[in-house]
Amino acid sequence: ANAHWASRGVPHSANQVQLSLLSTLPLESGLLEASSELGVTPIGYSPLALGLLSGKYDADSVPAGPRGVLFRQLAPGLAPLLDTLREVSRARGKSVSQVAINWVMCQGAVVIVGIRTPEQAADNLGALGWRLSKAEQDALTEEARRVPKKATQNIFQTA
């Protein structure tokens, strides 16, 4: 696609992908690496996996509605990953959300975060201005690999 449009004078400058610790297909498929090689900026949306990685929810506490149905499927296997996110957040003096967002940024993506309140906006801004260490990134990535049920690229198609 990049070559097709480039030959017509239309540069491919950005690619929007779902990217989080629960949705790592853009990393596993080589898409982020290819984007870097081509000078295409990856834009990662849903870095908190609809809130699953915010630290607000667990297997016993899920939101109502369609998200609740999805969370009941995914939350039971998330405890070790959420524990690691909490450990890093405590060590860094950051929120769980800030750590999860920063992990996506460390993968080379510009991040789009959905917010509903001014407090969420302020909290999410705390993901800026610092970077997780390589050891922290690796620990989070390894725990994410162990999660038994991942989110698909369209998270509501996760079954």
Protein backbone atom coordinates (compact mmCIF):
# COMPACT_ATOMS: atom_id res chain seq x y z
CA ALA A 1 0.00 0.00 0.00
CA ASN A 2 2.86 2.36 0.86
CA ALA A 3 4.53 1.89 -2.56
CA HIS A 4 1.19 2.20 -4.39
CA TRP A 5 0.39 5.57 -2.89
CA ALA A 6 3.97 6.83 -2.94
CA SER A 7 4.11 6.21 -6.70
CA ARG A 8 1.13 8.53 -7.02
CA GLY A 9 2.68 11.28 -4.93
CA VAL A 10 0.62 10.52 -1.83
CA PRO A 11 2.90 9.90 1.15
CA HIS A 12 1.80 7.40 3.76
CA SER A 13 2.58 9.22 6.97
CA ALA A 14 0.49 7.55 9.69
CA ASN A 15 -1.13 4.22 10.50
CA GLN A 16 -3.72 3.91 13.27
CA VAL A 17 -3.68 0.56 15.08
CA GLN A 18 -5.09 -0.86 18.28
CA LEU A 19 -2.11 -1.24 20.60
CA SER A 20 -1.93 -2.14 24.27
CA LEU A 21 -0.46 -4.76 26.55
CA LEU A 22 -3.52 -6.85 25.62
CA SER A 23 -3.44 -6.09 21.90
CA THR A 24 0.09 -6.59 20.63
CA LEU A 25 -0.54 -7.76 17.06
CA PRO A 26 1.12 -4.63 15.57
CA LEU A 27 4.33 -5.65 17.39
CA GLU A 28 4.11 -9.38 16.74
CA SER A 29 3.30 -8.96 13.04
CA GLY A 30 6.22 -6.62 12.39
CA LEU A 31 3.90 -3.74 11.52
CA LEU A 32 5.53 -1.29 13.93
CA GLU A 33 8.99 -2.22 12.69
CA ALA A 34 7.90 -1.79 9.05
CA SER A 35 6.29 1.54 9.93
CA SER A 36 9.57 2.74 11.39
CA GLU A 37 11.51 1.64 8.29
CA LEU A 38 9.04 3.48 6.03
CA GLY A 39 8.88 6.64 8.12
CA VAL A 40 5.22 6.00 8.94
CA THR A 41 4.07 7.14 12.38
CA PRO A 42 2.05 4.48 14.22
CA ILE A 43 -0.89 5.90 16.15
CA GLY A 44 -1.95 3.52 18.91
CA TYR A 45 -5.53 3.64 20.07
CA SER A 46 -7.09 1.94 23.10
CA PRO A 47 -3.86 1.75 25.13
CA LEU A 48 -5.93 0.96 28.23
CA ALA A 49 -7.93 -1.78 26.46
CA LEU A 50 -11.25 0.00 27.15
CA GLY A 51 -10.22 0.45 30.78
CA LEU A 52 -9.09 -3.12 31.54
CA LEU A 53 -5.54 -1.81 32.06
CA SER A 54 -6.56 1.25 34.10
CA GLY A 55 -6.29 -0.54 37.43
CA LYS A 56 -9.96 0.26 38.06
CA TYR A 57 -11.34 -3.19 37.29
CA ASP A 58 -10.65 -6.82 38.14
CA ALA A 59 -12.48 -10.15 37.87
CA ASP A 60 -14.84 -9.12 40.71
CA SER A 61 -15.46 -5.56 39.54
CA VAL A 62 -16.55 -4.94 35.95
CA PRO A 63 -18.59 -2.17 34.33
CA ALA A 64 -22.17 -2.64 33.18
CA GLY A 65 -23.21 -3.15 29.58
CA PRO A 66 -21.21 -4.54 26.65
CA ARG A 67 -17.87 -3.69 28.26
CA GLY A 68 -18.88 -5.75 31.28
CA VAL A 69 -19.54 -8.80 29.11
CA LEU A 70 -16.11 -8.42 27.53
CA PHE A 71 -14.38 -7.70 30.85
CA ARG A 72 -15.86 -10.86 32.41
CA GLN A 73 -14.15 -12.84 29.64
CA LEU A 74 -10.75 -11.17 29.92
CA ALA A 75 -10.39 -10.02 33.54
CA PRO A 76 -9.87 -13.42 35.23
CA GLY A 77 -6.51 -13.91 33.50
CA LEU A 78 -5.23 -10.37 34.04
CA ALA A 79 -4.27 -10.48 37.73
CA PRO A 80 -0.51 -11.08 37.22
CA LEU A 81 -0.27 -8.36 34.55
CA LEU A 82 -2.24 -5.90 36.71
CA ASP A 83 0.01 -6.77 39.67
CA THR A 84 3.08 -5.94 37.58
CA LEU A 85 1.49 -2.70 36.38
CA ARG A 86 0.78 -1.79 40.03
CA GLU A 87 4.36 -2.62 41.10
CA VAL A 88 5.81 -0.40 38.38
CA SER A 89 3.31 2.36 39.14
CA ARG A 90 4.23 2.33 42.85
CA ALA A 91 7.96 2.34 42.08
CA ARG A 92 7.53 5.22 39.63
CA GLY A 93 4.98 7.24 41.60
CA LYS A 94 2.64 6.99 38.60
CA SER A 95 -0.87 5.64 38.13
CA VAL A 96 -1.51 2.23 36.56
CA SER A 97 -3.04 4.01 33.56
CA GLN A 98 0.04 6.18 33.12
CA VAL A 99 2.29 3.11 33.12
CA ALA A 100 0.11 1.26 30.58
CA ILE A 101 -0.02 4.32 28.29
CA ASN A 102 3.73 4.87 28.62
CA TRP A 103 4.39 1.25 27.62
CA VAL A 104 2.55 1.91 24.32
CA MET A 105 4.55 5.12 23.81
CA CYS A 106 7.77 3.16 24.42
CA GLN A 107 6.81 0.92 21.49
CA GLY A 108 7.15 3.96 19.21
CA ALA A 109 3.49 4.89 18.88
CA VAL A 110 1.72 8.19 19.27
CA VAL A 111 -1.14 7.40 21.64
CA ILE A 112 -4.86 8.18 21.42
CA VAL A 113 -6.57 7.82 24.77
CA GLY A 114 -10.32 7.98 25.28
CA ILE A 115 -11.34 10.13 28.22
CA ARG A 116 -14.67 10.92 29.83
CA THR A 117 -13.72 13.25 32.68
CA PRO A 118 -11.27 16.08 33.34
CA GLU A 119 -9.70 13.86 36.01
CA GLN A 120 -8.97 11.14 33.44
CA ALA A 121 -7.45 13.74 31.11
CA ALA A 122 -5.19 15.04 33.88
CA ASP A 123 -4.18 11.53 34.90
CA ASN A 124 -3.39 10.50 31.32
CA LEU A 125 -1.15 13.54 30.87
CA GLY A 126 1.05 12.01 33.58
CA ALA A 127 2.17 9.39 31.03
CA LEU A 128 4.20 12.12 29.28
CA GLY A 129 7.70 13.33 30.04
CA TRP A 130 9.27 10.05 31.13
CA ARG A 131 9.97 6.55 29.81
CA LEU A 132 9.76 3.12 31.32
CA SER A 133 13.16 1.48 31.63
CA LYS A 134 14.00 -1.44 29.35
CA ALA A 135 13.66 -3.77 32.36
CA GLU A 136 10.19 -2.37 33.17
CA GLN A 137 9.08 -2.66 29.54
CA ASP A 138 10.37 -6.22 29.38
CA ALA A 139 8.64 -7.21 32.64
CA LEU A 140 5.32 -5.82 31.40
CA THR A 141 5.73 -7.40 27.96
CA GLU A 142 6.50 -10.78 29.51
CA GLU A 143 3.45 -10.65 31.79
CA ALA A 144 1.31 -9.60 28.82
CA ARG A 145 2.54 -12.65 26.88
CA ARG A 146 1.34 -14.88 29.72
CA VAL A 147 -2.23 -13.51 29.68
CA PRO A 148 -4.35 -16.49 28.58
CA LYS A 149 -6.90 -14.50 26.57
CA LYS A 150 -5.87 -11.48 24.52
CA ALA A 151 -7.94 -8.78 22.89
CA THR A 152 -8.35 -8.98 19.12
CA GLN A 153 -7.84 -5.93 16.94
CA ASN A 154 -11.57 -5.30 17.22
CA ILE A 155 -11.86 -5.88 20.95
CA PHE A 156 -15.61 -6.55 20.78
CA GLN A 157 -14.89 -9.55 18.53
CA THR A 158 -12.84 -11.13 21.31
CA ALA A 159 -14.49 -14.44 22.16
